[in-house]
Amino acid sequence: MAQFKQMEQFADRAGPVAAPPGVTSVLGRMRDLQSSWPPVDGVAVFNRVYLTVTESIDRQLAEGAFPDRPAAAALDVKFAERYLAAVDAASAGHRPPDCWRPLFQYRHHPGVRPLQFAMAGINAHIGHDLALAVVDTCRTLRCAPPDLQEEFDQVGDLLAMLEEQIREDLMPGPDLLEVADPLTHLLGSWSLDRAREAAWSAARVLWRLRDLPVLAEEFRQRMDAGAGLVGRCLLTPCR
């Protein structure tokens, strides 16, 4: 199916460049999803977080916070489309990428806490989708990853600030008890900064492999499987 042709970005590079849909359209999709899922649904928990991120980026775009507004908007949209494609696949009964499967499989598990759902979604999106979104954006804008580094870093800085707020809002229990909570230790083993660094390196590798689609796809599959394994660990029931 179209959403699973993960390596389309490595072929037919001479074709016409299509303008990315606006940030408004992906915001609309995420808002529609949020209204259709119960709040306790694990995917809804992540969607709510991601909607907040995208709304913040939209505001910063409107305020001129990004030096290259079209590039930042394109990266934001390409990134969101990866998540929305996974949602569409799961909704249609198809297999989403491995990085997203744990979240969809455990979305109703009573022993998984909201913070775990949020972090598992962030892990899937950064650990797999972000590198591909960079390549998608480079193809659309006919540029190379170094040309997007400033926009990549700004989006990453916003994600880091929101991750801190997410942990504060969703971490259960009084502060004095958090150090003894297994959830604290489980989520403390995952780092957004390291995930961002890995995503940037992966994007550069995939770009260099764009004329070697078989190797590029093998690399993507390994990246996908690794993110899926981490996601399963993050969703270990803690109650």
Foldseek 3Di string as FASTA:
>chain_A
DVLPPLLPLLPPLVDDFDQFDFLVVLLVVLVVVLVVDDCLFLVNLQSVLVSVLSVVLVVCLVVVVDVDSSLLRQLSRQLSVLVVSQVVQVVVVHHRQLLCVVSVVCRPPPLFFNLLSNVSVLLSSLLARNLSSLSVSCSNVVHASVVCVRSLVVSLVSVVVSNVVSCVVRPDDDPVCSVVQVLNVLVVVDDSVVSSVVSSVLSNVLVVCSNPSVVSVVSSSVSRNVSSVSSNSSRDRRD
